[in-house]
Protein backbone atom coordinates (compact mmCIF):
# COMPACT_ATOMS: atom_id res chain seq x y z
CA MET A 1 90.66 96.91 138.64
CA TYR A 2 89.59 100.46 139.70
CA LYS A 3 91.08 100.10 143.21
CA SER A 4 94.28 98.37 142.03
CA LEU A 5 95.28 101.37 139.85
CA ASN A 6 95.54 103.79 142.85
CA ILE A 7 93.61 106.44 141.06
CA GLY A 8 94.39 109.76 142.68
CA LYS A 9 98.15 109.48 143.19
CA ASN A 10 99.48 109.88 139.59
CA LYS A 11 97.20 111.33 136.95
CA LEU A 12 97.56 112.30 133.35
CA GLY A 13 96.37 115.76 134.18
CA ASP A 14 99.51 116.26 136.41
CA LYS A 15 101.69 116.06 133.31
CA GLY A 16 100.21 118.72 131.07
CA GLN A 17 97.28 120.97 130.31
CA ILE A 18 94.04 119.19 129.65
CA ILE A 19 91.46 121.88 129.02
CA THR A 20 88.01 122.60 127.70
CA GLY A 21 87.89 124.45 124.41
CA ILE A 22 86.23 127.46 122.92
CA THR A 23 82.46 127.90 122.56
CA THR A 24 81.52 130.20 119.67
CA GLY A 25 77.80 129.94 120.25
CA LYS A 26 77.10 130.01 116.51
CA ASN A 27 79.31 127.37 114.78
CA ASP A 28 77.24 127.59 111.64
CA ILE A 29 78.35 131.21 111.27
CA PHE A 30 81.86 131.27 112.73
CA LEU A 31 83.08 127.80 111.53
CA LYS A 32 83.49 126.61 108.05
CA LEU A 33 84.82 123.41 106.44
CA TRP A 34 88.19 124.10 105.03
CA HIS A 35 87.26 123.37 101.44
CA GLU A 36 84.58 126.12 101.42
CA LEU A 37 87.23 128.83 101.95
CA SER A 38 89.75 130.51 99.70
CA ARG A 39 93.20 129.00 100.28
CA ASN A 40 94.57 132.56 100.27
CA LYS A 41 92.61 133.45 103.47
CA ILE A 42 93.49 130.48 105.64
CA ASN A 43 96.52 130.35 107.94
CA LEU A 44 98.09 126.97 108.63
CA ASP A 45 101.38 127.97 110.22
CA LEU A 46 100.57 130.32 113.13
CA ILE A 47 102.72 129.87 116.21
CA ASN A 48 101.80 133.00 118.13
CA ILE A 49 98.44 134.82 118.21
CA SER A 50 100.30 138.13 117.83
CA ASP A 51 101.17 137.06 114.31
CA PHE A 52 97.51 136.78 113.27
CA SER A 53 96.62 138.85 110.18
CA GLU A 54 93.09 140.00 109.47
CA ASN A 55 93.80 139.29 105.75
CA LYS A 56 94.18 135.57 106.71
CA ASN A 57 91.29 135.45 109.10
CA TRP A 58 90.62 131.65 109.11
CA ILE A 59 92.50 129.46 111.65
CA PRO A 60 92.50 125.67 111.96
CA TYR A 61 89.94 124.48 114.55
CA SER A 62 89.82 121.11 116.31
CA LYS A 63 86.31 120.00 116.58
CA GLY A 64 86.07 116.29 117.63
CA GLY A 65 84.45 114.38 114.79
CA ASN A 66 83.93 110.79 113.85
CA PHE A 67 85.53 107.75 115.46
CA ARG A 68 89.13 107.91 114.39
CA LYS A 69 92.37 107.28 116.27
CA TRP A 70 95.95 108.64 115.88
CA TYR A 71 95.35 111.24 113.14
CA GLY A 72 92.55 112.91 111.20
CA ASN A 73 89.25 114.83 111.59
CA LEU A 74 91.04 118.05 110.57
CA GLU A 75 88.26 119.80 108.71
CA TYR A 76 87.23 123.06 110.21
CA PHE A 77 88.47 126.64 110.37
CA VAL A 78 87.25 129.40 112.65
CA ASN A 79 86.89 133.06 111.66
CA TRP A 80 89.17 134.78 114.21
CA ASN A 81 88.12 138.23 113.00
CA ARG A 82 84.85 137.66 114.76
CA LYS A 83 86.22 136.26 118.01
CA THR A 84 84.55 139.12 120.09
CA GLU A 85 81.23 137.60 119.06
CA PHE A 86 82.04 134.16 120.52
CA ASN A 87 80.28 132.98 123.78
CA ARG A 88 83.68 131.92 125.17
CA SER A 89 86.93 132.49 123.35
CA LYS A 90 89.32 131.29 125.99
CA THR A 91 91.59 134.31 125.79
CA THR A 92 93.09 133.40 129.18
CA LEU A 93 94.75 130.39 127.48
CA GLN A 94 96.48 132.23 124.66
CA HIS A 95 99.86 130.85 125.81
CA LEU A 96 98.53 127.45 124.74
CA TYR A 97 97.19 128.44 121.37
CA PHE A 98 98.71 126.51 118.39
CA LYS A 99 100.64 124.09 120.51
CA GLU A 100 100.90 120.32 119.70
CA GLY A 101 99.23 117.65 121.79
CA PHE A 102 96.33 115.28 121.27
CA THR A 103 92.55 115.81 121.02
CA TRP A 104 89.53 113.56 121.27
CA SER A 105 85.85 113.47 120.34
CA PHE A 106 83.82 114.77 123.20
CA ILE A 107 80.69 112.81 122.12
CA THR A 108 81.03 109.39 120.59
CA THR A 109 78.68 106.43 120.01
CA GLY A 110 81.65 104.10 120.23
CA LYS A 111 84.93 103.92 122.05
CA PHE A 112 87.13 106.80 123.20
CA ASN A 113 89.29 107.91 120.41
CA ALA A 114 92.07 110.39 120.35
CA ARG A 115 94.29 111.91 117.75
CA ILE A 116 97.39 114.01 117.39
CA LEU A 117 96.68 117.75 117.52
CA PRO A 118 99.21 119.40 115.09
CA LYS A 119 100.68 122.73 115.54
CA GLY A 120 98.66 125.74 114.56
CA PHE A 121 95.23 124.87 115.85
CA LEU A 122 92.65 126.34 118.16
CA TRP A 123 90.03 124.05 119.70
CA ASP A 124 86.30 123.58 120.34
CA VAL A 125 84.64 122.16 123.37
CA ALA A 126 84.04 119.02 121.18
CA GLY A 127 87.67 118.84 120.33
CA SER A 128 89.35 119.84 123.58
CA PRO A 129 93.07 119.36 123.72
CA ALA A 130 95.70 117.80 126.04
CA ILE A 131 99.05 119.65 125.69
CA PHE A 132 102.33 118.57 127.26
CA GLU A 133 105.62 120.26 127.77
CA ASN A 134 107.61 117.52 126.10
CA ASP A 135 106.72 116.77 122.52
CA LYS A 136 107.71 113.14 122.85
CA GLN A 137 105.33 112.64 125.83
CA LYS A 138 102.25 113.29 123.63
CA TYR A 139 102.94 110.02 121.72
CA SER A 140 103.15 107.96 124.88
CA TYR A 141 100.15 109.59 126.49
CA LEU A 142 98.10 109.31 123.24
CA ALA A 143 98.86 105.54 123.16
CA LEU A 144 97.65 105.28 126.79
CA VAL A 145 94.30 106.92 126.07
CA ASN A 146 93.73 104.92 122.94
CA SER A 147 94.42 101.63 124.77
CA ASN A 148 91.81 99.14 125.96
CA LEU A 149 93.09 99.76 129.47
CA CYS A 150 92.08 103.36 129.31
CA GLN A 151 88.72 102.47 127.75
CA LYS A 152 87.92 100.31 130.83
CA ILE A 153 88.84 103.22 133.12
CA LEU A 154 86.80 105.75 131.19
CA ASP A 155 83.83 103.41 131.24
CA ILE A 156 84.00 103.54 135.05
CA PHE A 157 84.39 107.41 135.06
CA ASN A 158 81.74 108.18 132.58
CA PRO A 159 79.46 105.42 131.23
CA THR A 160 77.52 108.07 129.15
CA MET A 161 80.34 108.10 126.58
CA ASN A 162 80.50 112.02 126.72
CA TYR A 163 84.18 112.24 127.48
CA GLN A 164 85.02 115.53 129.27
CA SER A 165 88.28 117.05 130.17
CA ILE A 166 88.03 115.95 133.80
CA ASP A 167 87.72 112.31 132.76
CA VAL A 168 90.92 112.49 130.80
CA GLN A 169 92.73 114.46 133.50
CA ASN A 170 92.01 111.68 135.96
CA ILE A 171 93.40 108.80 133.95
CA PRO A 172 95.88 107.00 136.27
CA LEU A 173 99.39 107.27 135.06
CA ASP A 174 102.45 105.00 135.55
CA ASP A 175 105.64 106.89 134.59
CA ASN A 176 107.08 103.57 133.38
CA ILE A 177 105.28 104.20 130.05
CA LEU A 178 107.88 106.76 129.23
CA ASN A 179 110.70 104.10 129.45
CA THR A 180 109.48 101.79 126.83
CA ASN A 181 109.18 101.80 123.04
CA ILE A 182 105.55 103.02 123.28
CA SER A 183 106.47 106.37 121.77
CA GLU A 184 108.13 104.71 118.73
CA ILE A 185 105.17 102.41 118.04
CA THR A 186 102.72 105.24 118.43
CA GLU A 187 104.65 107.45 115.95
CA ASN A 188 104.29 104.65 113.46
CA CYS A 189 100.44 104.55 114.23
CA TYR A 190 100.39 108.28 113.65
CA SER A 191 102.40 108.02 110.36
CA ILE A 192 100.13 105.26 108.93
CA SER A 193 97.00 107.16 109.89
CA LYS A 194 98.23 110.48 108.54
CA LYS A 195 99.09 108.89 105.25
CA ASP A 196 95.56 107.46 105.13
CA TRP A 197 93.92 110.79 106.00
CA ASP A 198 96.05 112.67 103.45
CA SER A 199 95.32 110.20 100.60
CA ARG A 200 91.77 111.66 100.19
CA GLU A 201 90.51 114.99 99.03
CA ILE A 202 89.00 115.92 102.30
CA SER A 203 92.58 116.58 103.69
CA TRP A 204 94.20 119.91 102.91
CA ASP A 205 97.45 117.98 102.65
CA PHE A 206 96.06 115.80 99.90
CA GLU A 207 98.62 115.53 97.03
CA GLN A 208 97.22 113.30 94.19
CA SER A 209 95.20 110.25 93.64
CA PRO A 210 97.15 107.36 95.20
CA LEU A 211 96.48 105.34 92.04
CA LEU A 212 98.72 107.69 90.25
CA GLY A 213 101.48 107.37 92.86
CA ILE A 214 102.05 103.71 92.35
CA ARG A 215 104.57 101.95 90.07
CA GLU A 216 104.54 98.16 89.55
CA GLN A 217 107.88 96.67 90.81
CA GLY A 218 107.05 93.05 91.42
CA VAL A 219 104.87 90.73 93.38
CA VAL A 220 105.47 89.01 96.67
CA GLU A 221 102.90 86.75 98.49
CA SER A 222 102.50 87.86 102.04
CA ASP A 223 101.54 85.77 105.13
CA LYS A 224 98.58 88.09 105.56
CA GLY A 225 97.12 86.97 102.33
CA PHE A 226 97.57 90.04 100.16
CA VAL A 227 99.87 91.03 97.30
CA ASP A 228 102.83 93.14 98.33
CA ARG A 229 104.29 95.57 95.77
CA GLU A 230 106.93 98.27 96.27
CA LYS A 231 105.77 101.75 95.35
CA GLY A 232 107.22 104.54 93.45
CA LEU A 233 106.11 108.09 92.92
CA GLY A 234 104.43 108.95 89.62
CA ASN A 235 107.48 111.05 88.58
CA SER A 236 109.91 108.17 88.96
CA GLY A 237 109.00 106.32 85.87
CA LYS A 238 106.24 105.60 83.34
CA GLY A 239 103.88 104.20 86.04
CA SER A 240 101.97 100.97 86.16
CA VAL A 241 101.12 99.19 82.91
CA SER A 242 97.34 99.61 83.58
CA LEU A 243 94.82 101.08 85.94
CA LYS A 244 94.06 97.63 87.32
CA ALA A 245 97.79 97.09 88.10
CA ALA A 246 97.91 100.48 89.83
CA TYR A 247 94.83 99.48 91.87
CA GLU A 248 96.22 96.11 92.83
CA ALA A 249 99.52 97.75 93.96
CA TRP A 250 97.56 100.27 96.01
CA VAL A 251 95.52 97.59 97.64
CA ALA A 252 98.67 95.71 98.58
CA GLU A 253 100.19 98.86 100.07
CA VAL A 254 97.23 99.89 102.20
CA SER A 255 96.62 96.30 103.29
CA GLN A 256 100.13 96.24 104.69
CA ASP A 257 99.42 99.52 106.56
CA PHE A 258 96.08 98.16 107.90
CA PHE A 259 97.64 95.06 109.39
CA GLN A 260 100.68 96.90 110.61
CA LEU A 261 98.38 99.33 112.50
CA HIS A 262 96.43 96.39 113.94
CA THR A 263 99.70 94.77 115.12
CA ASN A 264 100.83 98.11 116.69
CA GLU A 265 97.58 98.55 118.60
CA GLU A 266 97.64 95.11 120.04
CA GLU A 267 101.29 95.43 120.94
CA LEU A 268 100.57 98.74 122.76
CA ASN A 269 97.78 97.03 124.69
CA ARG A 270 100.09 94.18 125.78
CA ILE A 271 102.64 96.77 127.01
CA PHE A 272 100.02 98.66 129.06
CA ILE A 273 98.51 95.51 130.48
CA ASP A 274 101.97 94.43 131.59
CA ILE A 275 102.90 97.87 133.09
CA TYR A 276 99.61 98.09 135.05
CA GLY A 277 99.63 94.37 136.02
CA LEU A 278 96.20 93.54 134.66
CA GLN A 279 96.99 90.34 132.75
CA ASP A 280 94.13 88.64 134.50
CA GLU A 281 91.60 91.31 133.75
CA LEU A 282 92.28 92.41 130.14
CA THR A 283 93.30 91.05 126.80
CA PRO A 284 95.14 93.03 124.15
CA GLU A 285 92.90 92.04 121.18
CA VAL A 286 91.67 94.76 118.92
CA ALA A 287 88.72 93.98 116.54
CA LEU A 288 89.46 94.58 112.86
CA LYS A 289 86.55 96.85 112.65
CA ASP A 290 88.09 99.17 115.24
CA ILE A 291 91.10 100.02 113.06
CA THR A 292 90.29 103.51 111.89
CA ILE A 293 92.05 103.77 108.48
CA LEU A 294 90.32 102.90 105.19
CA GLN A 295 87.10 103.86 106.74
CA ASP A 296 85.51 104.75 103.45
CA GLU A 297 86.80 101.75 101.67
CA LEU A 298 85.88 99.03 104.32
CA LYS A 299 82.57 98.25 105.90
CA ALA A 300 82.46 97.29 109.56
CA GLU A 301 80.13 94.35 108.99
CA ASP A 302 82.53 92.92 106.32
CA LEU A 303 85.42 93.17 108.80
CA GLU A 304 83.35 91.55 111.51
CA ALA A 305 82.60 88.65 109.12
CA LEU A 306 86.43 88.39 108.53
CA GLU A 307 87.36 88.32 112.21
CA PRO A 308 86.96 84.57 112.87
CA ALA A 309 89.22 83.53 110.05
CA PHE A 310 91.76 86.16 110.97
CA ARG A 311 91.92 84.95 114.61
CA ALA A 312 92.22 81.37 113.39
CA GLY A 313 95.42 82.30 111.56
CA GLU A 314 93.97 81.96 108.08
CA LYS A 315 94.96 84.07 105.10
CA VAL A 316 92.56 86.95 104.80
CA VAL A 317 92.12 89.62 102.16
CA LEU A 318 90.74 92.99 103.11
CA PRO A 319 87.23 93.39 101.70
CA ILE A 320 88.02 96.76 100.05
CA GLN A 321 85.10 98.21 98.15
CA ALA A 322 86.51 98.81 94.63
CA ASN A 323 83.67 101.13 93.77
CA VAL A 324 84.69 103.64 96.44
CA VAL A 325 88.26 103.62 95.31
CA MET A 326 87.28 104.26 91.66
CA GLN A 327 84.87 106.99 92.73
CA GLN A 328 87.75 108.79 94.52
CA PHE A 329 89.89 108.39 91.47
CA LEU A 330 87.30 109.86 89.11
CA SER A 331 86.68 112.78 91.50
CA TYR A 332 90.31 113.60 91.47
CA LEU A 333 90.44 113.60 87.67
CA VAL A 334 87.45 115.89 87.51
CA GLY A 335 89.37 118.17 89.86
CA THR A 336 92.26 118.26 87.41
CA LEU A 337 89.90 119.40 84.66
CA LEU A 338 88.70 122.34 86.68
CA GLY A 339 92.16 123.28 87.94
CA ARG A 340 91.80 122.39 91.57
CA TYR A 341 94.60 119.81 91.13
CA ARG A 342 97.37 119.60 88.57
CA LEU A 343 98.68 116.37 87.05
CA GLY A 344 102.34 115.84 87.82
CA ARG A 345 102.30 118.41 90.64
CA LYS A 346 101.24 117.44 94.10
CA GLY A 347 98.67 119.32 96.26
CA LEU A 348 96.08 122.08 95.53
CA HIS A 349 96.68 124.14 92.45
CA ILE A 350 93.72 126.60 92.23
CA ALA A 351 91.60 126.89 95.34
CA HIS A 352 91.01 130.62 95.36
CA PRO A 353 89.14 133.25 93.29
CA ASN A 354 90.73 135.14 90.32
CA PRO A 355 93.43 132.69 89.30
CA THR A 356 96.28 134.25 87.27
CA ASP A 357 96.93 133.58 83.58
CA GLU A 358 99.94 131.53 84.70
CA GLU A 359 97.87 129.31 86.90
CA LEU A 360 95.35 128.68 84.09
CA ALA A 361 97.86 128.09 81.38
CA PRO A 362 98.15 124.70 79.72
CA TYR A 363 101.02 122.63 81.04
CA PRO A 364 102.93 119.51 79.88
CA VAL A 365 102.36 116.15 81.47
CA ASP A 366 105.40 114.05 80.59
CA ASN A 367 105.56 111.20 82.91
CA VAL A 368 102.76 109.21 81.19
CA ALA A 369 102.46 106.71 78.42
CA LEU A 370 101.31 109.44 75.92
CA PRO A 371 102.74 112.80 76.97
CA PHE A 372 100.43 115.69 76.40
CA GLN A 373 99.50 119.32 77.08
CA MET A 374 96.89 119.44 79.82
CA GLU A 375 94.24 122.10 79.35
CA ILE A 376 92.63 123.50 82.53
CA ASP A 377 89.04 124.37 81.71
CA GLU A 378 89.02 128.01 80.61
CA ASP A 379 85.81 129.08 82.31
CA ALA A 380 85.58 126.52 85.15
CA ILE A 381 82.41 125.15 83.64
CA ILE A 382 82.29 121.55 82.32
CA PRO A 383 79.27 119.77 80.90
CA ILE A 384 78.60 116.33 82.42
CA MET A 385 76.15 114.81 79.91
CA GLY A 386 78.40 112.27 78.08
CA SER A 387 77.13 110.98 74.77
CA THR A 388 73.89 113.06 74.99
CA CYS A 389 75.80 116.27 74.29
CA ALA A 390 78.21 117.51 71.62
CA PHE A 391 80.61 119.47 73.83
CA PRO A 392 84.31 118.49 73.45
CA ASP A 393 85.05 119.53 77.00
CA ASP A 394 82.41 117.22 78.53
CA ALA A 395 83.72 115.66 81.70
CA VAL A 396 83.08 112.05 80.49
CA LYS A 397 85.01 112.69 77.30
CA ARG A 398 87.92 114.46 78.92
CA VAL A 399 88.39 111.98 81.79
CA ASP A 400 88.43 109.20 79.21
CA ASP A 401 91.16 111.06 77.34
CA ILE A 402 93.28 111.56 80.51
CA ILE A 403 93.05 107.84 81.37
CA HIS A 404 94.08 107.01 77.75
CA ARG A 405 97.11 109.29 77.97
CA ILE A 406 98.24 108.14 81.35
CA TRP A 407 98.29 104.45 80.42
CA GLY A 408 98.37 104.46 76.70
CA ASP A 409 96.52 102.58 73.84
CA ALA A 410 97.43 99.01 74.81
CA SER A 411 95.45 98.89 78.09
CA HIS A 412 92.79 101.55 77.40
CA THR A 413 89.84 99.21 76.75
CA GLU A 414 90.92 97.13 79.69
CA ASN A 415 91.05 100.24 81.91
CA LEU A 416 87.55 101.40 80.90
CA ASN A 417 86.21 97.87 81.47
CA PHE A 418 87.98 97.71 84.86
CA ILE A 419 86.36 101.08 85.84
CA ASN A 420 82.92 99.70 84.93
CA GLN A 421 83.58 96.55 86.83
CA CYS A 422 84.62 98.42 89.97
CA LEU A 423 81.67 100.87 89.75
CA GLY A 424 79.21 98.13 89.03
CA MET A 425 77.86 100.14 86.19
CA ASP A 426 78.87 101.90 82.96
CA TYR A 427 81.42 104.60 83.77
CA GLU A 428 79.46 107.22 81.69
CA LYS A 429 76.27 106.46 83.62
CA TRP A 430 77.99 106.91 86.94
CA MET A 431 79.56 110.23 85.90
CA CYS A 432 76.28 111.63 84.53
CA GLU A 433 73.91 110.34 87.09
CA GLN A 434 75.77 109.62 90.29
CA PHE A 435 78.86 111.87 90.47
CA TRP A 436 76.85 114.75 92.08
CA ALA A 437 75.40 112.53 94.78
CA TYR A 438 78.89 111.16 95.52
CA HIS A 439 80.39 114.71 95.56
CA ILE A 440 77.93 116.00 98.16
CA SER A 441 78.01 112.88 100.34
CA GLY A 442 79.21 112.64 103.89
CA THR A 443 82.34 110.84 102.93
CA MET A 444 83.27 113.72 100.52
CA TYR A 445 82.06 117.38 100.81
CA LYS A 446 79.25 116.92 103.40
CA LYS A 447 76.63 118.79 101.51
CA LYS A 448 79.01 121.68 101.07
CA PRO A 449 80.04 121.06 97.39
CA ILE A 450 82.91 122.85 95.73
CA TYR A 451 81.68 121.91 92.22
CA TRP A 452 78.15 123.17 91.77
CA LEU A 453 75.70 121.39 89.47
CA PHE A 454 73.66 123.68 87.31
CA CYS A 455 70.87 121.52 85.86
CA SER A 456 67.53 121.80 84.20
CA ASN A 457 65.80 119.50 86.72
CA PRO A 458 67.13 120.60 90.19
CA LYS A 459 64.98 118.23 92.10
CA SER A 460 66.09 115.28 90.13
CA PRO A 461 69.52 116.28 88.65
CA GLN A 462 70.30 112.69 87.45
CA LYS A 463 67.29 113.09 85.04
CA SER A 464 68.12 116.50 83.81
CA ALA A 465 68.30 117.34 80.20
CA PHE A 466 71.15 119.75 80.85
CA ARG A 467 73.99 119.51 83.41
CA VAL A 468 77.16 121.40 83.92
CA LEU A 469 79.63 121.33 86.79
CA VAL A 470 81.03 124.81 87.97
CA TYR A 471 84.00 125.25 90.22
CA MET A 472 82.71 127.47 93.03
CA HIS A 473 86.18 128.98 93.77
CA ARG A 474 86.47 130.35 90.22
CA MET A 475 82.97 131.69 89.85
CA ASP A 476 82.29 135.41 89.17
CA ALA A 477 79.41 137.78 88.17
CA TYR A 478 79.49 136.52 84.55
CA THR A 479 79.58 132.71 85.20
CA VAL A 480 75.84 132.17 84.76
CA GLN A 481 75.86 134.26 81.56
CA LYS A 482 78.60 131.99 80.22
CA ILE A 483 76.61 128.87 81.11
CA LEU A 484 73.59 130.39 79.24
CA ARG A 485 75.45 131.55 76.13
CA ASN A 486 78.20 128.93 75.74
CA TYR A 487 76.43 125.84 76.97
CA LEU A 488 72.73 125.99 77.31
CA HIS A 489 71.93 127.77 74.01
CA PRO A 490 74.16 125.48 71.93
CA HIS A 491 72.69 122.41 73.67
CA ILE A 492 69.23 123.46 72.90
CA GLU A 493 70.10 123.82 69.31
CA TYR A 494 71.78 120.43 69.34
CA VAL A 495 68.76 118.65 70.89
CA LYS A 496 66.44 120.54 68.44
CA GLY A 497 68.60 119.30 65.50
CA LYS A 498 68.32 115.67 66.64
CA TYR A 499 64.56 116.15 67.16
CA GLU A 500 64.05 117.69 63.70
CA GLU A 501 66.05 114.87 62.14
CA MET A 502 63.90 112.23 63.70
CA HIS A 503 60.73 114.31 62.94
CA ALA A 504 61.52 114.24 59.20
CA ASN A 505 61.70 110.40 59.44
CA GLU A 506 58.90 109.87 62.00
CA ALA A 507 56.98 107.43 59.80
CA ASN A 508 59.88 105.06 59.72
CA LEU A 509 60.93 105.15 63.39
CA THR A 510 61.07 101.87 65.32
CA LYS A 511 59.31 101.63 68.61
CA GLN A 512 62.56 102.38 70.51
CA GLU A 513 63.42 105.23 68.16
CA PHE A 514 59.93 106.72 68.63
CA LYS A 515 60.35 106.61 72.37
CA ALA A 516 63.63 108.48 72.02
CA TYR A 517 61.87 110.98 69.68
CA GLU A 518 59.23 111.73 72.31
CA ASN A 519 61.92 112.06 74.99
CA LEU A 520 63.62 114.72 72.88
CA ALA A 521 60.44 116.64 72.76
CA LYS A 522 60.26 116.60 76.56
CA GLN A 523 63.85 117.69 76.76
CA ILE A 524 63.24 120.66 74.56
CA SER A 525 60.34 121.76 76.74
CA GLU A 526 62.50 121.38 79.90
CA LEU A 527 65.37 123.22 78.32
CA LYS A 528 63.33 126.15 77.22
CA GLU A 529 61.77 126.49 80.72
CA TYR A 530 65.30 126.35 82.28
CA GLU A 531 66.47 128.98 79.83
CA GLN A 532 64.06 131.47 81.28
CA LYS A 533 65.10 130.70 84.81
CA LEU A 534 68.74 130.92 83.96
CA LYS A 535 68.22 134.30 82.15
CA GLU A 536 66.73 135.75 85.32
CA VAL A 537 69.71 134.61 87.54
CA ALA A 538 72.25 135.73 84.82
CA ASN A 539 70.81 139.17 84.70
CA GLN A 540 71.39 139.57 88.52
CA GLN A 541 75.19 139.07 87.93
CA ILE A 542 75.46 137.46 91.35
CA THR A 543 78.80 137.62 93.23
CA PHE A 544 79.53 136.19 96.73
CA ASP A 545 82.10 136.01 99.43
CA LEU A 546 83.56 132.59 100.05
CA ASP A 547 83.82 133.52 103.75
CA ASP A 548 80.06 133.19 104.01
CA GLY A 549 80.29 129.43 103.16
CA VAL A 550 78.57 127.17 100.72
CA LYS A 551 75.14 127.11 102.46
CA VAL A 552 74.66 130.84 102.12
CA ASN A 553 76.22 131.25 98.69
CA TYR A 554 74.60 128.20 97.06
CA ALA A 555 71.16 129.46 98.11
CA LYS A 556 71.62 132.53 95.86
CA PHE A 557 71.24 130.31 92.86
CA GLU A 558 68.17 128.41 94.09
CA GLY A 559 66.02 127.13 91.16
CA VAL A 560 68.96 126.73 88.67
CA VAL A 561 71.27 124.49 90.77
CA ALA A 562 70.67 120.94 91.98
CA VAL A 563 68.81 120.65 95.27
CA ILE A 564 71.01 119.39 98.05
CA LYS A 565 69.15 116.83 99.97
């Protein structure tokens, strides 16, 4: 195959700039995940470096990332105010800054995978770009490098799976690929993949939970074995009749996208095999596990188990993990409580310090079963203790209320039961004991949380007698004092009251009640100890700069916040 391709005559590198990116030398200092930063200090629309403003010092930065094709892995920003400290800033390539193209992961444990590089980006060595004069070319060339044909070639060039710029430059090129419908198919792959990436909080283009963007319109049985429903935006009607109906409609929609993307990839492989005349050496098949949307919701091993039935032409249903989908939904609702998102309005709402009174004001939510005034939490502090506390703004209680208002009375019990079923446990237990672990996980905020957990047992936060979530972007020098005065002190009194009530009736307590009584005594001791620690931190009136990132800022509250493991 290698000889038949005439490598050396026509190469991808002849058609554009395929370059090695910037080396900062200290990525932990100069790079930050986008969600760590103030939205007011990031610049998403630069087209010329001369337009850079020191007030908006953070620029999108392509940095490789996990196995993902077509679109995604857009997570990092670079502090361009500090470019003179970089090991290599590639200032000789300023004419290529912010241009569109495609990028790939330099190091991968799997197959070569490339994605569209949108306008406005700079690039790391691990996310080096390929930039072409003609915008349409980028789709055709992206399809080529993501094909199984290209994988075979790259395996010959570099069996180490460290894909360097020179490897991509030397990919043999047949200009006939520009005279087919490759570009159109690839644009569809891009569209599907972008929709998937933007459907989750880790995208800065995330708009709302997809479960709130679905309206039930009818059911059609598909030859792929899944239910097909039309969709409608949340503002186009009263929404689905229940959370379960919204979930089923979403599953139908993303299943269509998954199988369409799979069909596209195999069709692209067929086209390339025909163009390069390699019908006897390659097949177009793409394994289901190599489709890179729904990566959080699908397990590779489940897709591998599904493969034989799929290849045999049987009806198959995507083995979507309902617990993951429900965790995403609950995370979004917590974000609405803290003001990061706003029900009925798409995109980020508050992602910066010092929000205005207008941004914090209650607002009407009309397009739901029970219209209401949504209250953004006034101090960006919400207890997350459920029935073990008396706070009306506890996250468990408020999320329950939002679900009730969205879908109404008739389906409320059904909705809560459905959540429990999806989570595999009681909703309150998950919120109180597992939300934090999910929030800091690799699929969400990668140990750089935006909601910080102040708790009385930092090493085992799920066992804490006291837990409150605080929105990092809205913290100020008085936040810890508010936690102490408005939440910890009242909670201590609440627990003491329950203890004294049981103490007065100690002789009549059942075995189970006596165990609860003893546990209250332990909680009081834990809470009093935490009170002293929190006082010490409150007295410091700590402030911080979001530009320093979560790791540096979170450490300033060590001892009173949950340990990030």
